[in-house]
Amino acid sequence: MSLNLPGEVLEYLVLFICSDGASYGYEVVKRIEEFSGGYWSPSSGTVYPLMGRLGEEGLLNELS
């Protein structure tokens, strides 16, 4: 099943998941799948650019 939710929901979920510690895009996608009970699986092509933008805005830190 595919859900079509506003982009703000994904932003908040990514920030919430990353607040638990360092996360990679793949891990974020898997955690969203788990959180939604398998009803929502955002594509990595959506999550990675979002994480990059949130990093540019200073909301996420990139680890080296």
N, C-alpha and C. Protein backbone atom coordinates (compact mmCIF):
# COMPACT_ATOMS: atom_id res chain seq x y z
N MET A 1 0.84 -1.17 0.00
CA MET A 1 0.00 0.00 0.00
C MET A 1 0.89 1.24 0.00
N SER A 2 0.52 2.22 -0.74
CA SER A 2 1.30 3.45 -0.83
C SER A 2 0.48 4.60 -0.27
N LEU A 3 1.10 5.37 0.62
CA LEU A 3 0.44 6.53 1.18
C LEU A 3 0.98 7.78 0.51
N ASN A 4 0.12 8.75 0.34
CA ASN A 4 0.54 10.03 -0.22
C ASN A 4 0.34 11.08 0.86
N LEU A 5 1.40 11.35 1.62
CA LEU A 5 1.33 12.28 2.73
C LEU A 5 2.08 13.56 2.39
N PRO A 6 1.71 14.66 3.05
CA PRO A 6 2.43 15.92 2.81
C PRO A 6 3.91 15.79 3.14
N GLY A 7 4.73 16.53 2.42
CA GLY A 7 6.18 16.48 2.61
C GLY A 7 6.60 16.84 4.03
N GLU A 8 5.81 17.68 4.70
CA GLU A 8 6.15 18.08 6.06
C GLU A 8 6.13 16.88 7.00
N VAL A 9 5.26 15.93 6.75
CA VAL A 9 5.19 14.73 7.59
C VAL A 9 6.50 13.96 7.48
N LEU A 10 7.01 13.82 6.27
CA LEU A 10 8.28 13.12 6.07
C LEU A 10 9.42 13.88 6.74
N GLU A 11 9.41 15.19 6.63
CA GLU A 11 10.46 15.99 7.28
C GLU A 11 10.48 15.73 8.78
N TYR A 12 9.32 15.78 9.41
CA TYR A 12 9.25 15.56 10.85
C TYR A 12 9.67 14.15 11.22
N LEU A 13 9.27 13.17 10.42
CA LEU A 13 9.67 11.79 10.70
C LEU A 13 11.18 11.62 10.59
N VAL A 14 11.78 12.20 9.57
CA VAL A 14 13.23 12.10 9.40
C VAL A 14 13.94 12.75 10.59
N LEU A 15 13.49 13.93 10.98
CA LEU A 15 14.10 14.61 12.13
C LEU A 15 13.91 13.80 13.41
N PHE A 16 12.73 13.23 13.59
CA PHE A 16 12.46 12.41 14.77
C PHE A 16 13.37 11.18 14.81
N ILE A 17 13.48 10.50 13.69
CA ILE A 17 14.31 9.29 13.62
C ILE A 17 15.77 9.64 13.84
N CYS A 18 16.22 10.72 13.23
CA CYS A 18 17.63 11.11 13.38
C CYS A 18 17.94 11.65 14.77
N SER A 19 16.93 12.07 15.50
CA SER A 19 17.17 12.57 16.86
C SER A 19 17.59 11.44 17.80
N ASP A 20 17.33 10.20 17.40
CA ASP A 20 17.75 9.03 18.19
C ASP A 20 19.23 8.72 18.02
N GLY A 21 19.88 9.38 17.10
CA GLY A 21 21.30 9.14 16.84
C GLY A 21 21.58 9.21 15.35
N ALA A 22 22.81 8.97 15.01
CA ALA A 22 23.22 9.04 13.60
C ALA A 22 22.46 8.01 12.78
N SER A 23 21.98 8.42 11.63
CA SER A 23 21.25 7.52 10.75
C SER A 23 21.63 7.78 9.30
N TYR A 24 21.64 6.74 8.54
CA TYR A 24 21.84 6.85 7.10
C TYR A 24 20.47 6.79 6.45
N GLY A 25 20.39 7.24 5.20
CA GLY A 25 19.12 7.26 4.49
C GLY A 25 18.43 5.91 4.47
N TYR A 26 19.20 4.84 4.23
CA TYR A 26 18.61 3.50 4.19
C TYR A 26 17.97 3.16 5.53
N GLU A 27 18.66 3.49 6.63
CA GLU A 27 18.13 3.22 7.96
C GLU A 27 16.87 4.04 8.22
N VAL A 28 16.86 5.28 7.76
CA VAL A 28 15.68 6.14 7.93
C VAL A 28 14.48 5.53 7.20
N VAL A 29 14.68 5.09 5.97
CA VAL A 29 13.60 4.47 5.20
C VAL A 29 13.07 3.24 5.94
N LYS A 30 13.97 2.39 6.43
CA LYS A 30 13.54 1.17 7.13
C LYS A 30 12.79 1.51 8.42
N ARG A 31 13.23 2.53 9.14
CA ARG A 31 12.56 2.92 10.38
C ARG A 31 11.17 3.48 10.10
N ILE A 32 11.01 4.21 8.97
CA ILE A 32 9.69 4.72 8.59
C ILE A 32 8.78 3.55 8.23
N GLU A 33 9.31 2.57 7.52
CA GLU A 33 8.52 1.38 7.20
C GLU A 33 8.04 0.70 8.48
N GLU A 34 8.94 0.53 9.44
CA GLU A 34 8.58 -0.09 10.71
C GLU A 34 7.56 0.76 11.46
N PHE A 35 7.80 2.06 11.52
CA PHE A 35 6.93 2.99 12.24
C PHE A 35 5.52 2.97 11.67
N SER A 36 5.39 2.82 10.35
CA SER A 36 4.08 2.84 9.70
C SER A 36 3.46 1.45 9.59
N GLY A 37 4.10 0.46 10.16
CA GLY A 37 3.57 -0.90 10.06
C GLY A 37 3.63 -1.45 8.65
N GLY A 38 4.55 -0.92 7.83
CA GLY A 38 4.70 -1.39 6.47
C GLY A 38 3.81 -0.69 5.46
N TYR A 39 3.02 0.29 5.91
CA TYR A 39 2.12 0.99 5.00
C TYR A 39 2.79 2.08 4.18
N TRP A 40 3.95 2.52 4.63
CA TRP A 40 4.61 3.61 3.91
C TRP A 40 6.09 3.32 3.81
N SER A 41 6.61 3.41 2.61
CA SER A 41 8.03 3.20 2.36
C SER A 41 8.50 4.29 1.39
N PRO A 42 8.96 5.42 1.94
CA PRO A 42 9.42 6.47 1.03
C PRO A 42 10.65 6.01 0.26
N SER A 43 10.80 6.49 -0.93
CA SER A 43 11.94 6.08 -1.75
C SER A 43 13.21 6.76 -1.25
N SER A 44 14.32 6.10 -1.50
CA SER A 44 15.61 6.69 -1.12
C SER A 44 15.85 7.96 -1.93
N GLY A 45 15.27 8.06 -3.12
CA GLY A 45 15.38 9.25 -3.95
C GLY A 45 14.64 10.44 -3.37
N THR A 46 13.78 10.19 -2.40
CA THR A 46 13.09 11.25 -1.67
C THR A 46 13.81 11.55 -0.37
N VAL A 47 14.24 10.51 0.33
CA VAL A 47 14.83 10.67 1.66
C VAL A 47 16.21 11.30 1.60
N TYR A 48 17.09 10.83 0.71
CA TYR A 48 18.45 11.35 0.67
C TYR A 48 18.50 12.85 0.36
N PRO A 49 17.79 13.33 -0.66
CA PRO A 49 17.80 14.79 -0.90
C PRO A 49 17.21 15.58 0.27
N LEU A 50 16.17 15.03 0.90
CA LEU A 50 15.58 15.70 2.06
C LEU A 50 16.59 15.80 3.19
N MET A 51 17.32 14.72 3.45
CA MET A 51 18.33 14.75 4.50
C MET A 51 19.43 15.76 4.15
N GLY A 52 19.79 15.86 2.88
CA GLY A 52 20.78 16.84 2.46
C GLY A 52 20.30 18.26 2.69
N ARG A 53 19.04 18.51 2.35
CA ARG A 53 18.48 19.85 2.55
C ARG A 53 18.40 20.19 4.03
N LEU A 54 17.96 19.24 4.84
CA LEU A 54 17.88 19.47 6.28
C LEU A 54 19.27 19.73 6.86
N GLY A 55 20.28 19.08 6.30
CA GLY A 55 21.66 19.33 6.71
C GLY A 55 22.10 20.74 6.34
N GLU A 56 21.76 21.17 5.13
CA GLU A 56 22.11 22.51 4.68
C GLU A 56 21.43 23.58 5.54
N GLU A 57 20.23 23.27 6.03
CA GLU A 57 19.49 24.21 6.87
C GLU A 57 19.97 24.16 8.32
N GLY A 58 20.92 23.27 8.60
CA GLY A 58 21.46 23.17 9.95
C GLY A 58 20.63 22.35 10.91
N LEU A 59 19.67 21.60 10.37
CA LEU A 59 18.80 20.79 11.22
C LEU A 59 19.33 19.38 11.44
N LEU A 60 20.23 18.94 10.56
CA LEU A 60 20.90 17.65 10.70
C LEU A 60 22.40 17.88 10.56
N ASN A 61 23.16 17.09 11.27
CA ASN A 61 24.62 17.14 11.15
C ASN A 61 25.10 15.96 10.35
N GLU A 62 26.01 16.20 9.42
CA GLU A 62 26.61 15.12 8.65
C GLU A 62 27.83 14.62 9.38
N LEU A 63 27.91 13.32 9.55
CA LEU A 63 29.07 12.73 10.21
C LEU A 63 30.08 12.32 9.15
N SER A 64 31.35 12.48 9.46
CA SER A 64 32.37 12.08 8.50
C SER A 64 33.04 10.81 8.94
